[in-house]
C-alpha atoms as a PDB file:
ATOM      1  CA  MET A   1      77.879 124.852 127.795  1.00  0.00           C
ATOM      2  CA  ILE A   2      77.209 122.426 124.912  1.00  0.00           C
ATOM      3  CA  LYS A   3      80.397 121.313 123.205  1.00  0.00           C
ATOM      4  CA  GLU A   4      80.706 122.262 119.535  1.00  0.00           C
ATOM      5  CA  LYS A   5      80.360 119.269 117.207  1.00  0.00           C
ATOM      6  CA  ILE A   6      81.418 119.327 113.565  1.00  0.00           C
ATOM      7  CA  CYS A   7      80.637 116.497 111.150  1.00  0.00           C
ATOM      8  CA  ILE A   8      82.348 115.799 107.829  1.00  0.00           C
ATOM      9  CA  ALA A   9      80.892 113.320 105.335  1.00  0.00           C
ATOM     10  CA  ARG A  10      83.310 111.523 103.017  1.00  0.00           C
ATOM     11  CA  VAL A  11      81.440 108.422 101.860  1.00  0.00           C
ATOM     12  CA  ASP A  12      83.519 107.275  98.903  1.00  0.00           C
ATOM     13  CA  ARG A  13      87.021 105.960  98.095  1.00  0.00           C
ATOM     14  CA  MET A  14      90.209 105.669 100.107  1.00  0.00           C
ATOM     15  CA  GLY A  15      92.049 108.320  98.092  1.00  0.00           C
ATOM     16  CA  ASP A  16      89.226 110.827  98.599  1.00  0.00           C
ATOM     17  CA  MET A  17      89.368 110.361 102.372  1.00  0.00           C
ATOM     18  CA  LEU A  18      93.141 110.761 102.413  1.00  0.00           C
ATOM     19  CA  LEU A  19      92.852 114.045 100.516  1.00  0.00           C
ATOM     20  CA  THR A  20      90.323 115.199 103.128  1.00  0.00           C
ATOM     21  CA  LEU A  21      92.577 114.571 106.136  1.00  0.00           C
ATOM     22  CA  PRO A  22      94.616 117.819 105.851  1.00  0.00           C
ATOM     23  CA  VAL A  23      91.323 119.749 105.984  1.00  0.00           C
ATOM     24  CA  ILE A  24      90.073 117.804 109.020  1.00  0.00           C
ATOM     25  CA  LYS A  25      93.380 118.214 110.862  1.00  0.00           C
ATOM     26  CA  THR A  26      93.530 121.951 110.174  1.00  0.00           C
ATOM     27  CA  LEU A  27      89.923 122.331 111.303  1.00  0.00           C
ATOM     28  CA  LYS A  28      90.724 120.493 114.538  1.00  0.00           C
ATOM     29  CA  ILE A  29      93.761 122.714 115.177  1.00  0.00           C
ATOM     30  CA  GLN A  30      91.652 125.839 114.709  1.00  0.00           C
ATOM     31  CA  ARG A  31      88.688 124.562 116.768  1.00  0.00           C
ATOM     32  CA  ASN A  32      90.612 122.407 119.227  1.00  0.00           C
ATOM     33  CA  ASN A  33      87.702 122.292 121.692  1.00  0.00           C
ATOM     34  CA  ALA A  34      85.281 120.979 119.079  1.00  0.00           C
ATOM     35  CA  GLU A  35      84.401 117.325 118.542  1.00  0.00           C
ATOM     36  CA  ILE A  36      85.134 116.249 114.976  1.00  0.00           C
ATOM     37  CA  HIS A  37      82.979 113.390 113.654  1.00  0.00           C
ATOM     38  CA  VAL A  38      83.661 111.811 110.253  1.00  0.00           C
ATOM     39  CA  ILE A  39      81.142 109.766 108.266  1.00  0.00           C
ATOM     40  CA  ALA A  40      83.107 107.217 106.242  1.00  0.00           C
ATOM     41  CA  SER A  41      82.490 104.286 103.933  1.00  0.00           C
ATOM     42  CA  LYS A  42      83.669 100.785 104.837  1.00  0.00           C
ATOM     43  CA  THR A  43      86.383 101.195 102.205  1.00  0.00           C
ATOM     44  CA  ASN A  44      87.881 104.486 103.328  1.00  0.00           C
ATOM     45  CA  SER A  45      87.318 104.150 107.087  1.00  0.00           C
ATOM     46  CA  LYS A  46      90.449 101.968 107.249  1.00  0.00           C
ATOM     47  CA  VAL A  47      92.724 104.992 106.927  1.00  0.00           C
ATOM     48  CA  LEU A  48      91.138 106.688 109.964  1.00  0.00           C
ATOM     49  CA  LYS A  49      92.444 104.174 112.492  1.00  0.00           C
ATOM     50  CA  ASN A  50      94.092 105.778 115.550  1.00  0.00           C
ATOM     51  CA  ILE A  51      94.001 109.326 114.173  1.00  0.00           C
ATOM     52  CA  ASN A  52      93.995 111.620 117.193  1.00  0.00           C
ATOM     53  CA  TYR A  53      92.450 114.663 115.501  1.00  0.00           C
ATOM     54  CA  ILE A  54      89.217 112.741 114.747  1.00  0.00           C
ATOM     55  CA  ASP A  55      86.972 112.121 117.757  1.00  0.00           C
ATOM     56  CA  LYS A  56      84.448 109.739 116.215  1.00  0.00           C
ATOM     57  CA  VAL A  57      84.114 107.738 113.014  1.00  0.00           C
ATOM     58  CA  ILE A  58      80.651 106.731 111.789  1.00  0.00           C
ATOM     59  CA  VAL A  59      80.891 103.978 109.164  1.00  0.00           C
ATOM     60  CA  VAL A  60      78.062 103.609 106.636  1.00  0.00           C
ATOM     61  CA  ASN A  61      77.436 101.214 103.768  1.00  0.00           C
ATOM     62  CA  SER A  62      77.989 102.333 100.198  1.00  0.00           C
ATOM     63  CA  ASN A  63      74.458 101.292  99.132  1.00  0.00           C
ATOM     64  CA  ILE A  64      71.265 103.287  99.678  1.00  0.00           C
ATOM     65  CA  HIS A  65      69.314 100.421 101.355  1.00  0.00           C
ATOM     66  CA  SER A  66      70.800 100.930 104.818  1.00  0.00           C
ATOM     67  CA  LEU A  67      70.043 104.669 104.778  1.00  0.00           C
ATOM     68  CA  PHE A  68      67.095 104.574 107.219  1.00  0.00           C
ATOM     69  CA  ASN A  69      69.021 102.914 110.059  1.00  0.00           C
ATOM     70  CA  GLU A  70      72.059 105.087 109.471  1.00  0.00           C
ATOM     71  CA  ILE A  71      69.971 108.262 109.667  1.00  0.00           C
ATOM     72  CA  ILE A  72      68.579 107.114 113.044  1.00  0.00           C
ATOM     73  CA  ILE A  73      72.127 106.613 114.345  1.00  0.00           C
ATOM     74  CA  LEU A  74      73.304 109.922 112.922  1.00  0.00           C
ATOM     75  CA  ARG A  75      70.395 111.922 114.366  1.00  0.00           C
ATOM     76  CA  LYS A  76      71.459 111.031 117.902  1.00  0.00           C
ATOM     77  CA  ASN A  77      74.038 113.795 117.502  1.00  0.00           C
ATOM     78  CA  TYR A  78      73.326 117.494 117.091  1.00  0.00           C
ATOM     79  CA  TYR A  79      75.998 119.269 115.063  1.00  0.00           C
ATOM     80  CA  SER A  80      76.847 122.938 114.842  1.00  0.00           C
ATOM     81  CA  SER A  81      78.189 122.411 111.292  1.00  0.00           C
ATOM     82  CA  PHE A  82      77.896 119.568 108.799  1.00  0.00           C
ATOM     83  CA  PHE A  83      80.137 119.474 105.700  1.00  0.00           C
ATOM     84  CA  ASN A  84      79.288 117.183 102.798  1.00  0.00           C
ATOM     85  CA  PHE A  85      82.423 116.583 100.710  1.00  0.00           C
ATOM     86  CA  SER A  86      81.271 113.482  98.797  1.00  0.00           C
ATOM     87  CA  PRO A  87      79.726 113.676  95.320  1.00  0.00           C
ATOM     88  CA  ASN A  88      77.180 110.897  95.831  1.00  0.00           C
ATOM     89  CA  LEU A  89      73.464 110.835  96.643  1.00  0.00           C
ATOM     90  CA  LYS A  90      73.780 108.962  99.926  1.00  0.00           C
ATOM     91  CA  SER A  91      76.170 111.523 101.391  1.00  0.00           C
ATOM     92  CA  LEU A  92      73.874 114.350 100.314  1.00  0.00           C
ATOM     93  CA  LEU A  93      70.841 112.691 101.950  1.00  0.00           C
ATOM     94  CA  LEU A  94      72.736 112.047 105.196  1.00  0.00           C
ATOM     95  CA  CYS A  95      73.639 115.709 105.303  1.00  0.00           C
ATOM     96  CA  LEU A  96      70.087 116.767 104.459  1.00  0.00           C
ATOM     97  CA  LEU A  97      68.449 114.595 107.135  1.00  0.00           C
ATOM     98  CA  CYS A  98      70.918 114.993 109.996  1.00  0.00           C
ATOM     99  CA  LYS A  99      70.448 117.372 112.925  1.00  0.00           C
ATOM    100  CA  SER A 100      72.737 120.314 112.308  1.00  0.00           C
ATOM    101  CA  LYS A 101      72.497 124.045 112.835  1.00  0.00           C
ATOM    102  CA  LYS A 102      74.280 124.734 109.551  1.00  0.00           C
ATOM    103  CA  LYS A 103      74.850 122.570 106.498  1.00  0.00           C
ATOM    104  CA  PHE A 104      77.380 122.998 103.700  1.00  0.00           C
ATOM    105  CA  SER A 105      78.051 121.023 100.532  1.00  0.00           C
ATOM    106  CA  LEU A 106      80.736 120.748  97.886  1.00  0.00           C
ATOM    107  CA  ILE A 107      79.370 119.963  94.422  1.00  0.00           C
ATOM    108  CA  PHE A 108      81.616 119.062  91.485  1.00  0.00           C
ATOM    109  CA  LEU A 109      80.183 119.495  87.983  1.00  0.00           C
ATOM    110  CA  SER A 110      81.313 117.332  85.067  1.00  0.00           C
ATOM    111  CA  ARG A 111      84.906 117.723  83.893  1.00  0.00           C
ATOM    112  CA  TYR A 112      84.094 116.221  80.483  1.00  0.00           C
ATOM    113  CA  LYS A 113      81.341 118.318  78.933  1.00  0.00           C
ATOM    114  CA  LYS A 114      79.195 121.373  79.528  1.00  0.00           C
ATOM    115  CA  ASN A 115      75.757 120.264  80.650  1.00  0.00           C
ATOM    116  CA  PHE A 116      73.267 120.433  83.480  1.00  0.00           C
ATOM    117  CA  SER A 117      75.190 117.919  85.600  1.00  0.00           C
ATOM    118  CA  LYS A 118      74.233 117.491  89.251  1.00  0.00           C
ATOM    119  CA  ILE A 119      71.031 119.526  88.736  1.00  0.00           C
ATOM    120  CA  PHE A 120      69.204 117.554  91.477  1.00  0.00           C
ATOM    121  CA  PHE A 121      72.127 117.962  93.882  1.00  0.00           C
ATOM    122  CA  ARG A 122      72.270 121.686  93.172  1.00  0.00           C
ATOM    123  CA  PHE A 123      68.552 122.118  93.742  1.00  0.00           C
ATOM    124  CA  ILE A 124      68.584 120.264  97.089  1.00  0.00           C
ATOM    125  CA  ALA A 125      71.683 122.134  98.236  1.00  0.00           C
ATOM    126  CA  PHE A 126      70.258 125.526  97.181  1.00  0.00           C
ATOM    127  CA  VAL A 127      66.964 124.973  99.014  1.00  0.00           C
ATOM    128  CA  PHE A 128      68.128 123.258 102.202  1.00  0.00           C
ATOM    129  CA  PHE A 129      71.794 124.074 102.786  1.00  0.00           C
ATOM    130  CA  ASP A 130      73.305 127.261 104.194  1.00  0.00           C
ATOM    131  CA  LYS A 131      76.228 127.522 101.793  1.00  0.00           C
ATOM    132  CA  ASN A 132      77.395 125.545  98.771  1.00  0.00           C
ATOM    133  CA  HIS A 133      80.574 125.559  96.752  1.00  0.00           C
ATOM    134  CA  ILE A 134      79.783 124.537  93.174  1.00  0.00           C
ATOM    135  CA  ILE A 135      82.914 123.635  91.208  1.00  0.00           C
ATOM    136  CA  ASP A 136      82.591 123.999  87.431  1.00  0.00           C
ATOM    137  CA  ARG A 137      85.468 121.670  86.643  1.00  0.00           C
ATOM    138  CA  LEU A 138      85.311 122.130  82.873  1.00  0.00           C
ATOM    139  CA  GLN A 139      85.488 125.913  83.140  1.00  0.00           C
ATOM    140  CA  ARG A 140      88.262 125.793  85.730  1.00  0.00           C
ATOM    141  CA  LEU A 141      90.291 123.504  83.494  1.00  0.00           C
ATOM    142  CA  LYS A 142      89.828 125.800  80.501  1.00  0.00           C
ATOM    143  CA  SER A 143      90.838 128.817  82.587  1.00  0.00           C
ATOM    144  CA  ASN A 144      93.744 126.998  84.274  1.00  0.00           C
ATOM    145  CA  LEU A 145      92.300 127.686  87.728  1.00  0.00           C
ATOM    146  CA  GLU A 146      92.784 125.704  90.946  1.00  0.00           C
ATOM    147  CA  LEU A 147      90.901 122.423  91.001  1.00  0.00           C
ATOM    148  CA  HIS A 148      92.587 120.182  93.553  1.00  0.00           C
ATOM    149  CA  GLN A 149      90.072 118.332  95.739  1.00  0.00           C
ATOM    150  CA  THR A 150      91.803 119.343  98.959  1.00  0.00           C
ATOM    151  CA  LYS A 151      91.913 123.015  97.981  1.00  0.00           C
ATOM    152  CA  MET A 152      88.235 122.943  97.035  1.00  0.00           C
ATOM    153  CA  MET A 153      87.377 121.533 100.471  1.00  0.00           C
ATOM    154  CA  PHE A 154      89.410 124.286 102.109  1.00  0.00           C
ATOM    155  CA  GLU A 155      87.490 126.822 100.001  1.00  0.00           C
ATOM    156  CA  LEU A 156      84.119 125.491 101.205  1.00  0.00           C
ATOM    157  CA  ILE A 157      85.262 125.683 104.853  1.00  0.00           C
ATOM    158  CA  ASN A 158      86.386 129.265 104.304  1.00  0.00           C
ATOM    159  CA  LYS A 159      83.115 130.202 102.568  1.00  0.00           C
ATOM    160  CA  SER A 160      81.140 128.811 105.493  1.00  0.00           C
ATOM    161  CA  GLY A 161      82.228 131.589 107.839  1.00  0.00           C
ATOM    162  CA  PHE A 162      85.135 129.830 109.524  1.00  0.00           C
ATOM    163  CA  LYS A 163      88.454 131.584 109.914  1.00  0.00           C
ATOM    164  CA  PRO A 164      90.571 130.896 106.770  1.00  0.00           C
ATOM    165  CA  LEU A 165      92.469 127.652 107.237  1.00  0.00           C
ATOM    166  CA  ASN A 166      96.163 126.994 106.755  1.00  0.00           C
ATOM    167  CA  LYS A 167      96.637 124.800 103.667  1.00  0.00           C
ATOM    168  CA  LYS A 168     100.144 123.552 104.525  1.00  0.00           C
ATOM    169  CA  GLU A 169      99.161 120.426 106.441  1.00  0.00           C
ATOM    170  CA  ARG A 170     100.290 117.142 104.891  1.00  0.00           C
ATOM    171  CA  ILE A 171      98.265 113.950 104.834  1.00  0.00           C
ATOM    172  CA  GLU A 172      98.777 112.461 108.283  1.00  0.00           C
ATOM    173  CA  ILE A 173      97.718 108.952 109.273  1.00  0.00           C
ATOM    174  CA  ALA A 174      98.768 106.486 111.978  1.00  0.00           C
ATOM    175  CA  LEU A 175     101.926 104.830 110.595  1.00  0.00           C
ATOM    176  CA  PRO A 176     103.481 101.508 111.643  1.00  0.00           C
ATOM    177  CA  LYS A 177     105.906 101.760 114.577  1.00  0.00           C
ATOM    178  CA  ASN A 178     108.691  99.931 112.724  1.00  0.00           C
ATOM    179  CA  LYS A 179     109.686  99.328 109.120  1.00  0.00           C
ATOM    180  CA  ILE A 180     110.264  95.868 107.703  1.00  0.00           C
ATOM    181  CA  SER A 181     114.007  95.249 107.335  1.00  0.00           C
ATOM    182  CA  PHE A 182     115.040  94.253 103.788  1.00  0.00           C
ATOM    183  CA  LYS A 183     118.540  93.173 102.735  1.00  0.00           C
ATOM    184  CA  ALA A 184     118.282  94.469  99.171  1.00  0.00           C
ATOM    185  CA  LYS A 185     119.929  97.791  98.321  1.00  0.00           C
ATOM    186  CA  LYS A 186     116.482  99.152  97.437  1.00  0.00           C
ATOM    187  CA  THR A 187     112.948  97.837  97.720  1.00  0.00           C
ATOM    188  CA  ILE A 188     110.549  98.796  94.934  1.00  0.00           C
ATOM    189  CA  LEU A 189     106.854  98.237  95.587  1.00  0.00           C
ATOM    190  CA  ILE A 190     104.635  98.001  92.507  1.00  0.00           C
ATOM    191  CA  HIS A 191     100.899  98.109  93.138  1.00  0.00           C
ATOM    192  CA  ILE A 192      99.208  96.043  90.405  1.00  0.00           C
ATOM    193  CA  PRO A 193      95.479  96.727  89.990  1.00  0.00           C
ATOM    194  CA  ASP A 194      94.033  95.953  86.558  1.00  0.00           C
ATOM    195  CA  LYS A 195      94.698  99.548  85.433  1.00  0.00           C
ATOM    196  CA  TRP A 196      98.126  98.370  84.255  1.00  0.00           C
ATOM    197  CA  ILE A 197      96.510  96.514  81.349  1.00  0.00           C
ATOM    198  CA  ASN A 198      95.298  98.914  78.655  1.00  0.00           C
ATOM    199  CA  LEU A 199      95.724  99.873  74.993  1.00  0.00           C
ATOM    200  CA  PHE A 200      99.318 100.984  75.597  1.00  0.00           C
ATOM    201  CA  TYR A 201     100.656  98.580  78.205  1.00  0.00           C
ATOM    202  CA  SER A 202     100.442  94.809  78.630  1.00  0.00           C
ATOM    203  CA  GLU A 203     101.260  92.151  81.205  1.00  0.00           C
ATOM    204  CA  GLU A 204     104.403  91.387  79.180  1.00  0.00           C
ATOM    205  CA  ASP A 205     105.494  95.017  79.534  1.00  0.00           C
ATOM    206  CA  LEU A 206     105.052  94.806  83.300  1.00  0.00           C
ATOM    207  CA  ILE A 207     107.035  91.551  83.467  1.00  0.00           C
ATOM    208  CA  GLN A 208     109.828  93.246  81.525  1.00  0.00           C
ATOM    209  CA  LEU A 209     109.811  96.163  83.992  1.00  0.00           C
ATOM    210  CA  ILE A 210     110.071  93.732  86.900  1.00  0.00           C
ATOM    211  CA  SER A 211     112.884  91.823  85.166  1.00  0.00           C
ATOM    212  CA  ASN A 212     114.873  95.034  84.571  1.00  0.00           C
ATOM    213  CA  LEU A 213     114.500  96.015  88.236  1.00  0.00           C
ATOM    214  CA  VAL A 214     115.743  92.589  89.343  1.00  0.00           C
ATOM    215  CA  LYS A 215     118.822  93.003  87.108  1.00  0.00           C
ATOM    216  CA  LYS A 216     119.646  96.106  89.125  1.00  0.00           C
ATOM    217  CA  ASN A 217     119.550  94.025  92.305  1.00  0.00           C
ATOM    218  CA  TYR A 218     116.332  95.601  93.614  1.00  0.00           C
ATOM    219  CA  LEU A 219     113.799  93.663  95.635  1.00  0.00           C
ATOM    220  CA  VAL A 220     110.380  93.966  93.955  1.00  0.00           C
ATOM    221  CA  LEU A 221     107.172  93.677  95.986  1.00  0.00           C
ATOM    222  CA  LEU A 222     103.936  93.333  94.010  1.00  0.00           C
ATOM    223  CA  THR A 223     100.784  94.286  95.935  1.00  0.00           C
ATOM    224  CA  THR A 224      97.333  93.304  94.741  1.00  0.00           C
ATOM    225  CA  ASP A 225      93.715  94.400  95.005  1.00  0.00           C
ATOM    226  CA  TYR A 226      90.390  92.737  94.149  1.00  0.00           C
ATOM    227  CA  SER A 227      90.993  93.273  90.399  1.00  0.00           C
ATOM    228  CA  THR A 228      94.502  91.796  90.152  1.00  0.00           C
ATOM    229  CA  LYS A 229      94.243  88.023  89.863  1.00  0.00           C
ATOM    230  CA  ASN A 230      91.982  87.979  86.802  1.00  0.00           C
ATOM    231  CA  LYS A 231      94.401  90.161  84.803  1.00  0.00           C
ATOM    232  CA  PHE A 232      97.851  88.843  85.727  1.00  0.00           C
ATOM    233  CA  LYS A 233      97.749  85.074  85.111  1.00  0.00           C
ATOM    234  CA  LYS A 234     101.387  84.867  84.001  1.00  0.00           C
ATOM    235  CA  ILE A 235     102.713  86.992  86.863  1.00  0.00           C
ATOM    236  CA  PHE A 236     101.072  84.683  89.402  1.00  0.00           C
ATOM    237  CA  ARG A 237     102.764  81.699  87.697  1.00  0.00           C
ATOM    238  CA  LEU A 238     106.183  83.365  87.593  1.00  0.00           C
ATOM    239  CA  TYR A 239     106.621  84.751  91.087  1.00  0.00           C
ATOM    240  CA  LYS A 240     106.309  83.575  94.675  1.00  0.00           C
ATOM    241  CA  THR A 241     103.110  84.563  96.476  1.00  0.00           C
ATOM    242  CA  ILE A 242     102.753  85.181 100.191  1.00  0.00           C
ATOM    243  CA  LEU A 243      99.522  85.955 102.022  1.00  0.00           C
ATOM    244  CA  ASN A 244      98.773  88.379 104.828  1.00  0.00           C
ATOM    245  CA  ASN A 245      99.531  85.918 107.642  1.00  0.00           C
ATOM    246  CA  ASP A 246     103.073  85.472 106.294  1.00  0.00           C
ATOM    247  CA  LEU A 247     104.025  89.158 106.457  1.00  0.00           C
ATOM    248  CA  ASN A 248     106.778  88.438 109.002  1.00  0.00           C
ATOM    249  CA  LYS A 249     108.479  86.125 106.494  1.00  0.00           C
ATOM    250  CA  ILE A 250     109.120  88.800 103.843  1.00  0.00           C
ATOM    251  CA  SER A 251     112.558  89.800 105.090  1.00  0.00           C
ATOM    252  CA  LYS A 252     113.694  86.139 105.119  1.00  0.00           C
ATOM    253  CA  ILE A 253     112.582  85.249 101.584  1.00  0.00           C
ATOM    254  CA  LYS A 254     115.448  84.938  99.076  1.00  0.00           C
ATOM    255  CA  GLU A 255     113.403  85.600  95.925  1.00  0.00           C
ATOM    256  CA  LYS A 256     113.875  88.979  94.250  1.00  0.00           C
ATOM    257  CA  VAL A 257     110.167  89.284  93.366  1.00  0.00           C
ATOM    258  CA  ILE A 258     107.351  88.600  95.843  1.00  0.00           C
ATOM    259  CA  ILE A 259     103.597  88.941  95.314  1.00  0.00           C
ATOM    260  CA  LEU A 260     101.905  90.222  98.475  1.00  0.00           C
ATOM    261  CA  ASP A 261      98.406  88.889  97.851  1.00  0.00           C
ATOM    262  CA  LYS A 262      95.222  89.544  99.832  1.00  0.00           C
ATOM    263  CA  PHE A 263      96.995  91.758 102.350  1.00  0.00           C
ATOM    264  CA  ASN A 264      94.779  93.639 104.764  1.00  0.00           C
ATOM    265  CA  TYR A 265      95.095  97.407 105.058  1.00  0.00           C
ATOM    266  CA  ASP A 266      97.568  97.373 107.968  1.00  0.00           C
ATOM    267  CA  SER A 267      99.945  94.938 106.264  1.00  0.00           C
ATOM    268  CA  TRP A 268      99.711  96.782 102.944  1.00  0.00           C
ATOM    269  CA  LEU A 269     100.469 100.064 104.714  1.00  0.00           C
ATOM    270  CA  ASN A 270     103.485  98.486 106.404  1.00  0.00           C
ATOM    271  CA  ALA A 271     104.827  97.249 103.053  1.00  0.00           C
ATOM    272  CA  ILE A 272     104.458 100.709 101.478  1.00  0.00           C
ATOM    273  CA  TYR A 273     105.996 102.430 104.516  1.00  0.00           C
ATOM    274  CA  SER A 274     108.963 100.042 104.416  1.00  0.00           C
ATOM    275  CA  SER A 275     109.694 100.443 100.685  1.00  0.00           C
ATOM    276  CA  ASP A 276     112.042 102.951  99.043  1.00  0.00           C
ATOM    277  CA  ILE A 277     110.002 103.695  95.911  1.00  0.00           C
ATOM    278  CA  ILE A 278     106.377 103.052  94.909  1.00  0.00           C
ATOM    279  CA  ILE A 279     105.224 102.549  91.305  1.00  0.00           C
ATOM    280  CA  THR A 280     101.469 102.581  90.740  1.00  0.00           C
ATOM    281  CA  PRO A 281      98.748 103.616  88.325  1.00  0.00           C
ATOM    282  CA  GLU A 282      96.745 106.584  89.605  1.00  0.00           C
ATOM    283  CA  CYS A 283      94.702 105.297  92.568  1.00  0.00           C
ATOM    284  CA  GLY A 284      94.540 105.392  96.376  1.00  0.00           C
ATOM    285  CA  CYS A 285      98.015 103.828  96.620  1.00  0.00           C
ATOM    286  CA  SER A 286      99.567 107.132  95.520  1.00  0.00           C
ATOM    287  CA  HIS A 287      97.976 108.958  98.489  1.00  0.00           C
ATOM    288  CA  ILE A 288      98.924 106.224 100.964  1.00  0.00           C
ATOM    289  CA  SER A 289     102.502 106.595  99.702  1.00  0.00           C
ATOM    290  CA  ALA A 290     102.335 110.350 100.253  1.00  0.00           C
ATOM    291  CA  ALA A 291     101.127 109.805 103.812  1.00  0.00           C
ATOM    292  CA  CYS A 292     104.071 107.438 104.388  1.00  0.00           C
ATOM    293  CA  GLY A 293     106.538 109.972 102.998  1.00  0.00           C
ATOM    294  CA  THR A 294     107.555 107.437 100.313  1.00  0.00           C
ATOM    295  CA  LEU A 295     108.378 108.749  96.841  1.00  0.00           C
ATOM    296  CA  VAL A 296     105.796 107.548  94.326  1.00  0.00           C
ATOM    297  CA  ASN A 297     105.893 107.229  90.535  1.00  0.00           C
ATOM    298  CA  ILE A 298     102.302 107.579  89.294  1.00  0.00           C
ATOM    299  CA  ILE A 299     101.195 106.451  85.832  1.00  0.00           C
ATOM    300  CA  TYR A 300      98.120 108.111  84.369  1.00  0.00           C
ATOM    301  CA  ASP A 301      95.671 106.889  81.744  1.00  0.00           C
ATOM    302  CA  PRO A 302      96.164 109.079  78.632  1.00  0.00           C
ATOM    303  CA  ASN A 303      92.542 108.422  77.603  1.00  0.00           C
ATOM    304  CA  ASN A 304      91.051 109.805  80.824  1.00  0.00           C
ATOM    305  CA  PHE A 305      91.951 113.503  80.804  1.00  0.00           C
ATOM    306  CA  PRO A 306      95.275 112.993  82.630  1.00  0.00           C
ATOM    307  CA  GLU A 307      96.010 116.692  83.098  1.00  0.00           C
ATOM    308  CA  ALA A 308      92.580 117.152  84.669  1.00  0.00           C
ATOM    309  CA  ILE A 309      93.081 114.144  86.961  1.00  0.00           C
ATOM    310  CA  ILE A 310      96.509 115.455  87.997  1.00  0.00           C
ATOM    311  CA  LYS A 311      95.120 118.911  88.800  1.00  0.00           C
ATOM    312  CA  GLU A 312      92.317 117.411  90.867  1.00  0.00           C
ATOM    313  CA  TYR A 313      93.833 114.340  92.547  1.00  0.00           C
ATOM    314  CA  ALA A 314      97.626 114.739  92.723  1.00  0.00           C
ATOM    315  CA  PRO A 315      99.205 113.750  96.078  1.00  0.00           C
ATOM    316  CA  TRP A 316      98.798 116.652  98.492  1.00  0.00           C
ATOM    317  CA  ASN A 317     101.937 118.584  99.507  1.00  0.00           C
ATOM    318  CA  SER A 318     104.154 115.645  98.534  1.00  0.00           C
ATOM    319  CA  LYS A 319     106.799 114.886  95.920  1.00  0.00           C
ATOM    320  CA  TYR A 320     105.820 112.524  93.126  1.00  0.00           C
ATOM    321  CA  ASN A 321     106.733 111.745  89.528  1.00  0.00           C
ATOM    322  CA  LYS A 322     104.067 111.577  86.838  1.00  0.00           C
ATOM    323  CA  PHE A 323     104.044 109.392  83.727  1.00  0.00           C
ATOM    324  CA  LEU A 324     101.589 108.368  81.005  1.00  0.00           C
ATOM    325  CA  PHE A 325     100.946 104.809  79.844  1.00  0.00           C
ATOM    326  CA  ASN A 326     101.468 105.832  76.211  1.00  0.00           C
ATOM    327  CA  GLU A 327     104.925 107.328  76.768  1.00  0.00           C
ATOM    328  CA  GLU A 328     107.725 105.944  74.628  1.00  0.00           C
ATOM    329  CA  ASN A 329     110.199 103.855  76.666  1.00  0.00           C
ATOM    330  CA  LEU A 330     107.990 104.086  79.769  1.00  0.00           C
ATOM    331  CA  ASN A 331     109.787 101.257  81.567  1.00  0.00           C
ATOM    332  CA  SER A 332     113.171 102.929  81.111  1.00  0.00           C
ATOM    333  CA  LYS A 333     111.787 106.229  82.395  1.00  0.00           C
ATOM    334  CA  LEU A 334     110.288 104.545  85.470  1.00  0.00           C
ATOM    335  CA  ILE A 335     113.652 102.943  86.285  1.00  0.00           C
ATOM    336  CA  ASP A 336     115.552 106.193  85.662  1.00  0.00           C
ATOM    337  CA  ALA A 337     113.260 107.916  88.203  1.00  0.00           C
ATOM    338  CA  ILE A 338     114.476 105.482  90.885  1.00  0.00           C
END
């Protein structure tokens, strides 16, 4: 008897993959004899390391140029079901050209205005796929209906003829075996992508937040991404920087503020897992924190439909606090939430 194989395509960002994991885990529990393959991008494949409910990870490039070779690799497998959860063209084409008995796609329409968005995607999916779940985000927002990415993925699975799935699973990833031991009464990790700098908040505001945390005798860890160094010139002059290879020195450093720069995924995960509170703009860090079981304070951009973003991308089945960058006394509110 040929073993059932199910493939899930999630070729986008880290946060999107993390929000997909509860669906994959629940699917594996229900079809425990099936092989679960996941198509991932180089960016989000990092979170799939050592996850026992995923049997195979197929990593693809984010660009369209490598498509031909990736299709050849993909077509070596024959799937009983293929689920496309990503909103990009490459993911749709991989789903279209793979070998699968049944194909299903999730399609999100624009949340900003009523138009003919994703018309090409909808046409391809209508002609070649067995079932599609088209999410009119604008209408759902106006009608105050469910919109969360994870719930929408569950809905597509259920529409595809599978037994309804349990939606209670949390985000589960392979966590570090041990936490870093800090001597401070609390360790606050602030993730500092360039989203901190906007019309309502400046580098000086962030420095003041850090200073106020230090006055309360907290240890402050600042983690970076590719966008950080160009935006935070003063912060890099003010505070001590350590690199990934020096991770084991963190607990011995006497400074109250440490920049953790150019950390790889595993080291970054360990820092988040070892901290008491996370403060971050809305990004993948909030979902990593949820997977670690670490309370996260998320700050949303008031100019980018924050209520819509919260409804669609809030941490799944986890506690979090939400703030807006234009709130009065934001720094005080962030500290009070600690």
